[in-house]
């Protein structure tokens, strides 16, 4: 007895507005950052880069430990200079979390937790 195949659904006629990218509102929920998160991020932005020690840093959200995806959390952030964060050839967003952690000898999610524990609001 042959089974009859069901046709696949048609593709969207209109492309998605965001190009398939994940929106922060879907991850964080409707509230986003609180005032406490903003104060904490200001504190993190005043610290030197954990990769190279430069000042003038970006606040990098740690969303992976290099092997598995962690939840998006505004408390798990690290200070990274533009070269270590996005712009440089060995930036975390260029080579990936696992390779960056191995290159610098740190584990981002553990460092972010230590930094959060050391901060008092």
PDB file of N, CA and C in Angstrom:
ATOM      1  N   UNK A   1       0.838  -1.166   0.000  1.00  0.00           N
ATOM      2  CA  UNK A   1       0.000   0.000   0.000  1.00  0.00           C
ATOM      3  C   UNK A   1       0.894   1.243   0.000  1.00  0.00           C
ATOM      4  N   UNK A   2       0.711   2.120  -0.926  1.00  0.00           N
ATOM      5  CA  UNK A   2       1.473   3.352  -1.027  1.00  0.00           C
ATOM      6  C   UNK A   2       0.815   4.442  -0.199  1.00  0.00           C
ATOM      7  N   UNK A   3       1.674   5.197   0.476  1.00  0.00           N
ATOM      8  CA  UNK A   3       1.139   6.311   1.252  1.00  0.00           C
ATOM      9  C   UNK A   3       1.173   7.559   0.387  1.00  0.00           C
ATOM     10  N   UNK A   4       0.175   8.319   0.490  1.00  0.00           N
ATOM     11  CA  UNK A   4       0.074   9.543  -0.277  1.00  0.00           C
ATOM     12  C   UNK A   4       0.858  10.658   0.416  1.00  0.00           C
ATOM     13  N   UNK A   5       1.653  11.373  -0.336  1.00  0.00           N
ATOM     14  CA  UNK A   5       2.454  12.450   0.240  1.00  0.00           C
ATOM     15  C   UNK A   5       1.658  13.734   0.326  1.00  0.00           C
ATOM     16  N   UNK A   6       1.892  14.454   1.411  1.00  0.00           N
ATOM     17  CA  UNK A   6       1.239  15.736   1.618  1.00  0.00           C
ATOM     18  C   UNK A   6       2.165  16.813   1.054  1.00  0.00           C
ATOM     19  N   UNK A   7       1.655  17.733   0.253  1.00  0.00           N
ATOM     20  CA  UNK A   7       2.545  18.762  -0.298  1.00  0.00           C
ATOM     21  C   UNK A   7       3.104  19.657   0.807  1.00  0.00           C
ATOM     22  N   UNK A   8       4.326  20.128   0.579  1.00  0.00           N
ATOM     23  CA  UNK A   8       4.965  21.033   1.533  1.00  0.00           C
ATOM     24  C   UNK A   8       4.272  22.388   1.499  1.00  0.00           C
ATOM     25  N   UNK A   9       4.271  23.108   2.621  1.00  0.00           N
ATOM     26  CA  UNK A   9       3.659  24.441   2.618  1.00  0.00           C
ATOM     27  C   UNK A   9       4.471  25.376   1.728  1.00  0.00           C
ATOM     28  N   UNK A  10       3.790  26.351   1.136  1.00  0.00           N
ATOM     29  CA  UNK A  10       4.447  27.302   0.264  1.00  0.00           C
ATOM     30  C   UNK A  10       5.330  28.238   1.067  1.00  0.00           C
ATOM     31  N   UNK A  11       6.392  28.735   0.415  1.00  0.00           N
ATOM     32  CA  UNK A  11       7.270  29.698   1.065  1.00  0.00           C
ATOM     33  C   UNK A  11       6.544  31.014   1.218  1.00  0.00           C
ATOM     34  N   UNK A  12       7.046  31.827   2.120  1.00  0.00           N
ATOM     35  CA  UNK A  12       6.442  33.134   2.346  1.00  0.00           C
ATOM     36  C   UNK A  12       6.542  33.979   1.094  1.00  0.00           C
ATOM     37  N   UNK A  13       5.470  34.660   0.778  1.00  0.00           N
ATOM     38  CA  UNK A  13       5.481  35.548  -0.372  1.00  0.00           C
ATOM     39  C   UNK A  13       6.325  36.783  -0.081  1.00  0.00           C
ATOM     40  N   UNK A  14       6.247  37.272   1.127  1.00  0.00           N
ATOM     41  CA  UNK A  14       7.020  38.452   1.535  1.00  0.00           C
ATOM     42  C   UNK A  14       8.161  38.000   2.445  1.00  0.00           C
ATOM     43  N   UNK A  15       9.373  38.508   2.240  1.00  0.00           N
ATOM     44  CA  UNK A  15      10.459  38.141   3.148  1.00  0.00           C
ATOM     45  C   UNK A  15      10.224  38.742   4.531  1.00  0.00           C
ATOM     46  N   UNK A  16      10.819  38.130   5.514  1.00  0.00           N
ATOM     47  CA  UNK A  16      10.690  38.654   6.873  1.00  0.00           C
ATOM     48  C   UNK A  16      11.369  40.003   6.976  1.00  0.00           C
ATOM     49  N   UNK A  17      10.804  40.878   7.779  1.00  0.00           N
ATOM     50  CA  UNK A  17      11.335  42.234   7.904  1.00  0.00           C
ATOM     51  C   UNK A  17      12.724  42.258   8.513  1.00  0.00           C
ATOM     52  N   UNK A  18      12.987  41.369   9.453  1.00  0.00           N
ATOM     53  CA  UNK A  18      14.265  41.404  10.154  1.00  0.00           C
ATOM     54  C   UNK A  18      15.305  40.497   9.513  1.00  0.00           C
ATOM     55  N   UNK A  19      14.999  39.897   8.380  1.00  0.00           N
ATOM     56  CA  UNK A  19      15.967  39.039   7.708  1.00  0.00           C
ATOM     57  C   UNK A  19      16.249  37.750   8.458  1.00  0.00           C
ATOM     58  N   UNK A  20      15.369  37.324   9.351  1.00  0.00           N
ATOM     59  CA  UNK A  20      15.551  36.091  10.085  1.00  0.00           C
ATOM     60  C   UNK A  20      16.374  36.245  11.359  1.00  0.00           C
ATOM     61  N   UNK A  21      16.838  37.463  11.676  1.00  0.00           N
ATOM     62  CA  UNK A  21      17.635  37.665  12.879  1.00  0.00           C
ATOM     63  C   UNK A  21      16.745  37.582  14.121  1.00  0.00           C
ATOM     64  N   UNK A  22      17.328  37.147  15.195  1.00  0.00           N
ATOM     65  CA  UNK A  22      16.607  37.067  16.459  1.00  0.00           C
ATOM     66  C   UNK A  22      16.510  38.468  17.050  1.00  0.00           C
ATOM     67  N   UNK A  23      15.331  38.843  17.466  1.00  0.00           N
ATOM     68  CA  UNK A  23      15.121  40.148  18.087  1.00  0.00           C
ATOM     69  C   UNK A  23      15.310  40.026  19.592  1.00  0.00           C
ATOM     70  N   UNK A  24      15.919  41.029  20.206  1.00  0.00           N
ATOM     71  CA  UNK A  24      16.150  40.982  21.646  1.00  0.00           C
ATOM     72  C   UNK A  24      14.842  40.917  22.423  1.00  0.00           C
ATOM     73  N   UNK A  25      13.797  41.499  21.912  1.00  0.00           N
ATOM     74  CA  UNK A  25      12.518  41.462  22.596  1.00  0.00           C
ATOM     75  C   UNK A  25      11.997  40.049  22.759  1.00  0.00           C
ATOM     76  N   UNK A  26      12.319  39.188  21.792  1.00  0.00           N
ATOM     77  CA  UNK A  26      11.882  37.800  21.909  1.00  0.00           C
ATOM     78  C   UNK A  26      12.679  37.064  22.969  1.00  0.00           C
ATOM     79  N   UNK A  27      13.923  37.440  23.152  1.00  0.00           N
ATOM     80  CA  UNK A  27      14.764  36.760  24.128  1.00  0.00           C
ATOM     81  C   UNK A  27      14.495  37.291  25.527  1.00  0.00           C
ATOM     82  N   UNK A  28      14.502  38.590  25.677  1.00  0.00           N
ATOM     83  CA  UNK A  28      14.439  39.204  26.996  1.00  0.00           C
ATOM     84  C   UNK A  28      13.029  39.365  27.527  1.00  0.00           C
ATOM     85  N   UNK A  29      12.074  39.274  26.676  1.00  0.00           N
ATOM     86  CA  UNK A  29      10.720  39.559  27.097  1.00  0.00           C
ATOM     87  C   UNK A  29      10.434  41.040  26.917  1.00  0.00           C
ATOM     88  N   UNK A  30       9.274  41.484  27.302  1.00  0.00           N
ATOM     89  CA  UNK A  30       8.897  42.861  27.021  1.00  0.00           C
ATOM     90  C   UNK A  30       9.622  43.904  27.869  1.00  0.00           C
ATOM     91  N   UNK A  31      10.210  43.501  28.992  1.00  0.00           N
ATOM     92  CA  UNK A  31      10.769  44.500  29.892  1.00  0.00           C
ATOM     93  C   UNK A  31      12.148  44.985  29.480  1.00  0.00           C
ATOM     94  N   UNK A  32      13.005  44.132  28.964  1.00  0.00           N
ATOM     95  CA  UNK A  32      14.354  44.545  28.604  1.00  0.00           C
ATOM     96  C   UNK A  32      15.194  44.816  29.829  1.00  0.00           C
ATOM     97  N   UNK A  33      16.121  45.768  29.704  1.00  0.00           N
ATOM     98  CA  UNK A  33      17.021  46.084  30.815  1.00  0.00           C
ATOM     99  C   UNK A  33      16.326  46.939  31.860  1.00  0.00           C
ATOM    100  N   UNK A  34      16.651  46.664  33.099  1.00  0.00           N
ATOM    101  CA  UNK A  34      16.139  47.475  34.203  1.00  0.00           C
ATOM    102  C   UNK A  34      17.173  48.551  34.548  1.00  0.00           C
ATOM    103  N   UNK A  35      16.817  49.448  35.438  1.00  0.00           N
ATOM    104  CA  UNK A  35      17.745  50.490  35.868  1.00  0.00           C
ATOM    105  C   UNK A  35      18.960  49.871  36.563  1.00  0.00           C
ATOM    106  N   UNK A  36      18.748  48.791  37.284  1.00  0.00           N
ATOM    107  CA  UNK A  36      19.858  48.107  37.950  1.00  0.00           C
ATOM    108  C   UNK A  36      20.825  47.543  36.910  1.00  0.00           C
ATOM    109  N   UNK A  37      20.297  46.969  35.833  1.00  0.00           N
ATOM    110  CA  UNK A  37      21.158  46.469  34.761  1.00  0.00           C
ATOM    111  C   UNK A  37      21.951  47.603  34.122  1.00  0.00           C
ATOM    112  N   UNK A  38      21.331  48.745  33.929  1.00  0.00           N
ATOM    113  CA  UNK A  38      22.033  49.888  33.332  1.00  0.00           C
ATOM    114  C   UNK A  38      23.181  50.362  34.235  1.00  0.00           C
ATOM    115  N   UNK A  39      22.930  50.420  35.545  1.00  0.00           N
ATOM    116  CA  UNK A  39      23.992  50.810  36.475  1.00  0.00           C
ATOM    117  C   UNK A  39      25.138  49.796  36.443  1.00  0.00           C
ATOM    118  N   UNK A  40      24.788  48.525  36.387  1.00  0.00           N
ATOM    119  CA  UNK A  40      25.815  47.479  36.333  1.00  0.00           C
ATOM    120  C   UNK A  40      26.612  47.572  35.027  1.00  0.00           C
ATOM    121  N   UNK A  41      25.941  47.823  33.923  1.00  0.00           N
ATOM    122  CA  UNK A  41      26.636  47.946  32.641  1.00  0.00           C
ATOM    123  C   UNK A  41      27.535  49.183  32.615  1.00  0.00           C
ATOM    124  N   UNK A  42      27.119  50.261  33.248  1.00  0.00           N
ATOM    125  CA  UNK A  42      27.976  51.442  33.360  1.00  0.00           C
ATOM    126  C   UNK A  42      29.243  51.109  34.159  1.00  0.00           C
ATOM    127  N   UNK A  43      29.069  50.325  35.220  1.00  0.00           N
ATOM    128  CA  UNK A  43      30.221  49.894  36.016  1.00  0.00           C
ATOM    129  C   UNK A  43      31.161  49.028  35.176  1.00  0.00           C
ATOM    130  N   UNK A  44      30.619  48.062  34.446  1.00  0.00           N
ATOM    131  CA  UNK A  44      31.433  47.168  33.614  1.00  0.00           C
ATOM    132  C   UNK A  44      32.154  47.965  32.530  1.00  0.00           C
ATOM    133  N   UNK A  45      31.489  48.974  31.961  1.00  0.00           N
ATOM    134  CA  UNK A  45      32.094  49.797  30.913  1.00  0.00           C
ATOM    135  C   UNK A  45      33.248  50.641  31.445  1.00  0.00           C
ATOM    136  N   UNK A  46      33.322  50.852  32.756  1.00  0.00           N
ATOM    137  CA  UNK A  46      34.411  51.636  33.322  1.00  0.00           C
ATOM    138  C   UNK A  46      35.662  50.786  33.588  1.00  0.00           C
ATOM    139  N   UNK A  47      35.559  49.472  33.450  1.00  0.00           N
ATOM    140  CA  UNK A  47      36.680  48.568  33.724  1.00  0.00           C
ATOM    141  C   UNK A  47      37.546  48.386  32.478  1.00  0.00           C
ATOM    142  N   UNK A  48      38.800  47.920  32.643  1.00  0.00           N
ATOM    143  CA  UNK A  48      39.626  47.615  31.468  1.00  0.00           C
ATOM    144  C   UNK A  48      39.194  46.298  30.816  1.00  0.00           C
ATOM    145  N   UNK A  49      39.607  46.103  29.584  1.00  0.00           N
ATOM    146  CA  UNK A  49      39.279  44.897  28.816  1.00  0.00           C
ATOM    147  C   UNK A  49      39.848  43.652  29.512  1.00  0.00           C
ATOM    148  N   UNK A  50      39.068  42.588  29.614  1.00  0.00           N
ATOM    149  CA  UNK A  50      39.553  41.360  30.242  1.00  0.00           C
ATOM    150  C   UNK A  50      40.495  40.594  29.322  1.00  0.00           C
ATOM    151  N   UNK A  51      40.484  40.915  28.027  1.00  0.00           N
ATOM    152  CA  UNK A  51      41.359  40.222  27.088  1.00  0.00           C
ATOM    153  C   UNK A  51      42.749  40.824  27.008  1.00  0.00           C
ATOM    154  N   UNK A  52      42.823  42.162  26.917  1.00  0.00           N
ATOM    155  CA  UNK A  52      44.126  42.800  26.694  1.00  0.00           C
ATOM    156  C   UNK A  52      44.441  43.913  27.690  1.00  0.00           C
ATOM    157  N   UNK A  53      43.474  44.374  28.476  1.00  0.00           N
ATOM    158  CA  UNK A  53      43.722  45.393  29.490  1.00  0.00           C
ATOM    159  C   UNK A  53      43.525  46.823  29.017  1.00  0.00           C
ATOM    160  N   UNK A  54      43.107  47.029  27.764  1.00  0.00           N
ATOM    161  CA  UNK A  54      42.882  48.393  27.272  1.00  0.00           C
ATOM    162  C   UNK A  54      41.625  48.992  27.903  1.00  0.00           C
ATOM    163  N   UNK A  55      41.546  50.321  27.845  1.00  0.00           N
ATOM    164  CA  UNK A  55      40.348  51.010  28.312  1.00  0.00           C
ATOM    165  C   UNK A  55      39.497  51.389  27.102  1.00  0.00           C
ATOM    166  N   UNK A  56      38.316  51.918  27.331  1.00  0.00           N
ATOM    167  CA  UNK A  56      37.394  52.253  26.253  1.00  0.00           C
ATOM    168  C   UNK A  56      36.748  50.989  25.709  1.00  0.00           C
ATOM    169  N   UNK A  57      35.967  50.339  26.547  1.00  0.00           N
ATOM    170  CA  UNK A  57      35.478  48.995  26.237  1.00  0.00           C
ATOM    171  C   UNK A  57      34.012  48.986  25.816  1.00  0.00           C
ATOM    172  N   UNK A  58      33.621  47.883  25.205  1.00  0.00           N
ATOM    173  CA  UNK A  58      32.223  47.556  24.939  1.00  0.00           C
ATOM    174  C   UNK A  58      31.756  46.609  26.041  1.00  0.00           C
ATOM    175  N   UNK A  59      30.467  46.561  26.268  1.00  0.00           N
ATOM    176  CA  UNK A  59      29.895  45.598  27.204  1.00  0.00           C
ATOM    177  C   UNK A  59      29.457  44.389  26.380  1.00  0.00           C
ATOM    178  N   UNK A  60      30.154  43.266  26.576  1.00  0.00           N
ATOM    179  CA  UNK A  60      29.901  42.034  25.812  1.00  0.00           C
ATOM    180  C   UNK A  60      29.003  41.108  26.618  1.00  0.00           C
ATOM    181  N   UNK A  61      27.859  40.723  26.045  1.00  0.00           N
ATOM    182  CA  UNK A  61      26.965  39.759  26.687  1.00  0.00           C
ATOM    183  C   UNK A  61      27.499  38.350  26.446  1.00  0.00           C
ATOM    184  N   UNK A  62      27.673  37.608  27.511  1.00  0.00           N
ATOM    185  CA  UNK A  62      28.137  36.227  27.404  1.00  0.00           C
ATOM    186  C   UNK A  62      26.908  35.351  27.222  1.00  0.00           C
ATOM    187  N   UNK A  63      26.748  34.814  26.015  1.00  0.00           N
ATOM    188  CA  UNK A  63      25.579  33.969  25.755  1.00  0.00           C
ATOM    189  C   UNK A  63      25.971  32.527  25.508  1.00  0.00           C
ATOM    190  N   UNK A  64      27.270  32.217  25.546  1.00  0.00           N
ATOM    191  CA  UNK A  64      27.724  30.854  25.313  1.00  0.00           C
ATOM    192  C   UNK A  64      28.972  30.606  26.138  1.00  0.00           C
ATOM    193  N   UNK A  65      29.168  29.348  26.541  1.00  0.00           N
ATOM    194  CA  UNK A  65      30.413  28.992  27.210  1.00  0.00           C
ATOM    195  C   UNK A  65      31.388  28.354  26.227  1.00  0.00           C
ATOM    196  N   UNK A  66      31.065  28.415  24.933  1.00  0.00           N
ATOM    197  CA  UNK A  66      31.906  27.837  23.904  1.00  0.00           C
ATOM    198  C   UNK A  66      31.405  26.492  23.431  1.00  0.00           C
ATOM    199  N   UNK A  67      30.570  25.856  24.218  1.00  0.00           N
ATOM    200  CA  UNK A  67      30.070  24.541  23.846  1.00  0.00           C
ATOM    201  C   UNK A  67      28.548  24.497  23.810  1.00  0.00           C
ATOM    202  N   UNK A  68      27.908  25.183  24.699  1.00  0.00           N
ATOM    203  CA  UNK A  68      26.448  25.202  24.707  1.00  0.00           C
ATOM    204  C   UNK A  68      25.960  26.628  24.896  1.00  0.00           C
ATOM    205  N   UNK A  69      24.790  26.881  24.389  1.00  0.00           N
ATOM    206  CA  UNK A  69      24.222  28.216  24.484  1.00  0.00           C
ATOM    207  C   UNK A  69      23.599  28.402  25.860  1.00  0.00           C
ATOM    208  N   UNK A  70      23.972  29.496  26.519  1.00  0.00           N
ATOM    209  CA  UNK A  70      23.400  29.849  27.815  1.00  0.00           C
ATOM    210  C   UNK A  70      22.235  30.797  27.575  1.00  0.00           C
ATOM    211  N   UNK A  71      21.460  31.042  28.574  1.00  0.00           N
ATOM    212  CA  UNK A  71      20.358  31.980  28.402  1.00  0.00           C
ATOM    213  C   UNK A  71      20.897  33.391  28.283  1.00  0.00           C
ATOM    214  N   UNK A  72      20.169  34.237  27.584  1.00  0.00           N
ATOM    215  CA  UNK A  72      20.556  35.638  27.437  1.00  0.00           C
ATOM    216  C   UNK A  72      20.271  36.325  28.762  1.00  0.00           C
ATOM    217  N   UNK A  73      21.312  36.808  29.410  1.00  0.00           N
ATOM    218  CA  UNK A  73      21.171  37.370  30.739  1.00  0.00           C
ATOM    219  C   UNK A  73      21.957  38.676  30.781  1.00  0.00           C
ATOM    220  N   UNK A  74      21.336  39.768  31.215  1.00  0.00           N
ATOM    221  CA  UNK A  74      22.016  41.052  31.294  1.00  0.00           C
ATOM    222  C   UNK A  74      23.030  41.100  32.431  1.00  0.00           C
ATOM    223  N   UNK A  75      23.050  40.081  33.299  1.00  0.00           N
ATOM    224  CA  UNK A  75      24.030  40.036  34.369  1.00  0.00           C
ATOM    225  C   UNK A  75      25.342  39.413  33.915  1.00  0.00           C
ATOM    226  N   UNK A  76      25.313  38.591  32.875  1.00  0.00           N
ATOM    227  CA  UNK A  76      26.521  37.934  32.387  1.00  0.00           C
ATOM    228  C   UNK A  76      27.154  38.776  31.289  1.00  0.00           C
ATOM    229  N   UNK A  77      27.922  39.779  31.685  1.00  0.00           N
ATOM    230  CA  UNK A  77      28.580  40.667  30.736  1.00  0.00           C
ATOM    231  C   UNK A  77      30.045  40.824  31.122  1.00  0.00           C
ATOM    232  N   UNK A  78      30.864  41.142  30.119  1.00  0.00           N
ATOM    233  CA  UNK A  78      32.282  41.371  30.330  1.00  0.00           C
ATOM    234  C   UNK A  78      32.709  42.642  29.609  1.00  0.00           C
ATOM    235  N   UNK A  79      33.729  43.333  30.133  1.00  0.00           N
ATOM    236  CA  UNK A  79      34.276  44.475  29.404  1.00  0.00           C
ATOM    237  C   UNK A  79      35.282  43.978  28.362  1.00  0.00           C
ATOM    238  N   UNK A  80      35.034  44.268  27.090  1.00  0.00           N
ATOM    239  CA  UNK A  80      35.951  43.905  26.010  1.00  0.00           C
ATOM    240  C   UNK A  80      36.196  45.134  25.144  1.00  0.00           C
ATOM    241  N   UNK A  81      37.454  45.374  24.800  1.00  0.00           N
ATOM    242  CA  UNK A  81      37.777  46.487  23.905  1.00  0.00           C
ATOM    243  C   UNK A  81      37.243  46.150  22.508  1.00  0.00           C
ATOM    244  N   UNK A  82      37.106  47.129  21.621  1.00  0.00           N
ATOM    245  CA  UNK A  82      36.584  46.849  20.282  1.00  0.00           C
ATOM    246  C   UNK A  82      37.393  45.792  19.529  1.00  0.00           C
ATOM    247  N   UNK A  83      38.709  45.753  19.734  1.00  0.00           N
ATOM    248  CA  UNK A  83      39.537  44.759  19.062  1.00  0.00           C
ATOM    249  C   UNK A  83      39.285  43.345  19.548  1.00  0.00           C
ATOM    250  N   UNK A  84      39.027  43.184  20.829  1.00  0.00           N
ATOM    251  CA  UNK A  84      38.743  41.853  21.381  1.00  0.00           C
ATOM    252  C   UNK A  84      37.273  41.476  21.221  1.00  0.00           C
ATOM    253  N   UNK A  85      36.404  42.479  21.027  1.00  0.00           N
ATOM    254  CA  UNK A  85      34.974  42.211  20.958  1.00  0.00           C
ATOM    255  C   UNK A  85      34.505  41.940  19.528  1.00  0.00           C
ATOM    256  N   UNK A  86      34.664  42.922  18.606  1.00  0.00           N
ATOM    257  CA  UNK A  86      34.096  42.776  17.269  1.00  0.00           C
ATOM    258  C   UNK A  86      35.052  43.090  16.139  1.00  0.00           C
ATOM    259  N   UNK A  87      35.934  44.056  16.306  1.00  0.00           N
ATOM    260  CA  UNK A  87      36.664  44.613  15.180  1.00  0.00           C
ATOM    261  C   UNK A  87      37.937  43.863  14.808  1.00  0.00           C
ATOM    262  N   UNK A  88      38.635  43.303  15.752  1.00  0.00           N
ATOM    263  CA  UNK A  88      39.932  42.692  15.479  1.00  0.00           C
ATOM    264  C   UNK A  88      39.829  41.344  14.803  1.00  0.00           C
ATOM    265  N   UNK A  89      40.951  40.874  14.221  1.00  0.00           N
ATOM    266  CA  UNK A  89      40.939  39.565  13.552  1.00  0.00           C
ATOM    267  C   UNK A  89      40.746  38.404  14.521  1.00  0.00           C
ATOM    268  N   UNK A  90      41.088  38.619  15.788  1.00  0.00           N
ATOM    269  CA  UNK A  90      40.892  37.575  16.791  1.00  0.00           C
ATOM    270  C   UNK A  90      39.832  37.984  17.804  1.00  0.00           C
ATOM    271  N   UNK A  91      38.838  38.723  17.352  1.00  0.00           N
ATOM    272  CA  UNK A  91      37.741  39.162  18.217  1.00  0.00           C
ATOM    273  C   UNK A  91      36.809  37.987  18.487  1.00  0.00           C
ATOM    274  N   UNK A  92      36.128  38.047  19.606  1.00  0.00           N
ATOM    275  CA  UNK A  92      35.253  36.944  20.003  1.00  0.00           C
ATOM    276  C   UNK A  92      34.141  36.708  18.976  1.00  0.00           C
ATOM    277  N   UNK A  93      33.648  37.772  18.340  1.00  0.00           N
ATOM    278  CA  UNK A  93      32.594  37.604  17.340  1.00  0.00           C
ATOM    279  C   UNK A  93      33.147  37.185  15.983  1.00  0.00           C
ATOM    280  N   UNK A  94      34.463  37.158  15.835  1.00  0.00           N
ATOM    281  CA  UNK A  94      35.075  36.694  14.595  1.00  0.00           C
ATOM    282  C   UNK A  94      35.473  35.218  14.680  1.00  0.00           C
ATOM    283  N   UNK A  95      36.084  34.822  15.799  1.00  0.00           N
ATOM    284  CA  UNK A  95      36.619  33.462  15.895  1.00  0.00           C
ATOM    285  C   UNK A  95      35.766  32.532  16.746  1.00  0.00           C
ATOM    286  N   UNK A  96      34.811  33.062  17.484  1.00  0.00           N
ATOM    287  CA  UNK A  96      33.946  32.230  18.310  1.00  0.00           C
ATOM    288  C   UNK A  96      34.390  32.199  19.765  1.00  0.00           C
ATOM    289  N   UNK A  97      33.466  31.840  20.615  1.00  0.00           N
ATOM    290  CA  UNK A  97      33.701  31.868  22.055  1.00  0.00           C
ATOM    291  C   UNK A  97      34.748  30.854  22.491  1.00  0.00           C
ATOM    292  N   UNK A  98      34.651  29.615  22.015  1.00  0.00           N
ATOM    293  CA  UNK A  98      35.579  28.568  22.464  1.00  0.00           C
ATOM    294  C   UNK A  98      37.016  28.908  22.079  1.00  0.00           C
ATOM    295  N   UNK A  99      37.225  29.356  20.843  1.00  0.00           N
ATOM    296  CA  UNK A  99      38.577  29.716  20.395  1.00  0.00           C
ATOM    297  C   UNK A  99      39.101  30.934  21.147  1.00  0.00           C
ATOM    298  N   UNK A 100      38.234  31.926  21.396  1.00  0.00           N
ATOM    299  CA  UNK A 100      38.653  33.129  22.130  1.00  0.00           C
ATOM    300  C   UNK A 100      39.036  32.777  23.561  1.00  0.00           C
ATOM    301  N   UNK A 101      38.238  31.920  24.200  1.00  0.00           N
ATOM    302  CA  UNK A 101      38.546  31.502  25.572  1.00  0.00           C
ATOM    303  C   UNK A 101      39.893  30.801  25.634  1.00  0.00           C
ATOM    304  N   UNK A 102      40.161  29.933  24.666  1.00  0.00           N
ATOM    305  CA  UNK A 102      41.430  29.205  24.639  1.00  0.00           C
ATOM    306  C   UNK A 102      42.600  30.153  24.373  1.00  0.00           C
ATOM    307  N   UNK A 103      42.403  31.112  23.479  1.00  0.00           N
ATOM    308  CA  UNK A 103      43.452  32.070  23.134  1.00  0.00           C
ATOM    309  C   UNK A 103      43.853  32.926  24.336  1.00  0.00           C
ATOM    310  N   UNK A 104      42.867  33.358  25.132  1.00  0.00           N
ATOM    311  CA  UNK A 104      43.133  34.250  26.260  1.00  0.00           C
ATOM    312  C   UNK A 104      43.245  33.520  27.603  1.00  0.00           C
ATOM    313  N   UNK A 105      42.957  32.237  27.626  1.00  0.00           N
ATOM    314  CA  UNK A 105      43.106  31.461  28.851  1.00  0.00           C
ATOM    315  C   UNK A 105      42.082  31.772  29.928  1.00  0.00           C
ATOM    316  N   UNK A 106      40.903  32.253  29.522  1.00  0.00           N
ATOM    317  CA  UNK A 106      39.840  32.502  30.503  1.00  0.00           C
ATOM    318  C   UNK A 106      38.562  31.834  30.021  1.00  0.00           C
ATOM    319  N   UNK A 107      37.626  31.677  30.913  1.00  0.00           N
ATOM    320  CA  UNK A 107      36.299  31.180  30.558  1.00  0.00           C
ATOM    321  C   UNK A 107      35.322  32.313  30.826  1.00  0.00           C
ATOM    322  N   UNK A 108      34.724  32.813  29.765  1.00  0.00           N
ATOM    323  CA  UNK A 108      33.929  34.036  29.844  1.00  0.00           C
ATOM    324  C   UNK A 108      32.790  33.946  30.842  1.00  0.00           C
ATOM    325  N   UNK A 109      32.043  32.858  30.821  1.00  0.00           N
ATOM    326  CA  UNK A 109      30.872  32.795  31.700  1.00  0.00           C
ATOM    327  C   UNK A 109      31.278  32.765  33.169  1.00  0.00           C
ATOM    328  N   UNK A 110      32.407  32.166  33.501  1.00  0.00           N
ATOM    329  CA  UNK A 110      32.863  32.142  34.889  1.00  0.00           C
ATOM    330  C   UNK A 110      33.376  33.526  35.299  1.00  0.00           C
ATOM    331  N   UNK A 111      34.127  34.180  34.407  1.00  0.00           N
ATOM    332  CA  UNK A 111      34.614  35.530  34.693  1.00  0.00           C
ATOM    333  C   UNK A 111      33.457  36.504  34.872  1.00  0.00           C
ATOM    334  N   UNK A 112      32.417  36.352  34.047  1.00  0.00           N
ATOM    335  CA  UNK A 112      31.257  37.240  34.155  1.00  0.00           C
ATOM    336  C   UNK A 112      30.530  37.030  35.481  1.00  0.00           C
ATOM    337  N   UNK A 113      30.439  35.783  35.928  1.00  0.00           N
ATOM    338  CA  UNK A 113      29.794  35.509  37.216  1.00  0.00           C
ATOM    339  C   UNK A 113      30.614  36.075  38.370  1.00  0.00           C
ATOM    340  N   UNK A 114      31.953  35.961  38.272  1.00  0.00           N
ATOM    341  CA  UNK A 114      32.819  36.525  39.315  1.00  0.00           C
ATOM    342  C   UNK A 114      32.675  38.045  39.368  1.00  0.00           C
ATOM    343  N   UNK A 115      32.622  38.666  38.205  1.00  0.00           N
ATOM    344  CA  UNK A 115      32.488  40.120  38.138  1.00  0.00           C
ATOM    345  C   UNK A 115      31.157  40.564  38.736  1.00  0.00           C
ATOM    346  N   UNK A 116      30.101  39.835  38.437  1.00  0.00           N
ATOM    347  CA  UNK A 116      28.779  40.170  38.969  1.00  0.00           C
ATOM    348  C   UNK A 116      28.741  39.984  40.491  1.00  0.00           C
ATOM    349  N   UNK A 117      29.357  38.917  40.986  1.00  0.00           N
ATOM    350  CA  UNK A 117      29.377  38.671  42.422  1.00  0.00           C
ATOM    351  C   UNK A 117      30.181  39.734  43.170  1.00  0.00           C
ATOM    352  N   UNK A 118      31.232  40.258  42.520  1.00  0.00           N
ATOM    353  CA  UNK A 118      32.083  41.275  43.158  1.00  0.00           C
ATOM    354  C   UNK A 118      31.410  42.645  43.192  1.00  0.00           C
ATOM    355  N   UNK A 119      30.472  42.869  42.282  1.00  0.00           N
ATOM    356  CA  UNK A 119      29.787  44.169  42.223  1.00  0.00           C
ATOM    357  C   UNK A 119      28.685  44.226  43.244  1.00  0.00           C
ATOM    358  N   UNK A 120      28.586  45.337  43.955  1.00  0.00           N
ATOM    359  CA  UNK A 120      27.473  45.517  44.882  1.00  0.00           C
ATOM    360  C   UNK A 120      26.718  46.771  44.473  1.00  0.00           C
ATOM    361  N   UNK A 121      25.434  46.595  44.277  1.00  0.00           N
ATOM    362  CA  UNK A 121      24.567  47.688  43.817  1.00  0.00           C
ATOM    363  C   UNK A 121      24.274  48.663  44.920  1.00  0.00           C
TER     364      UNK A 121
END
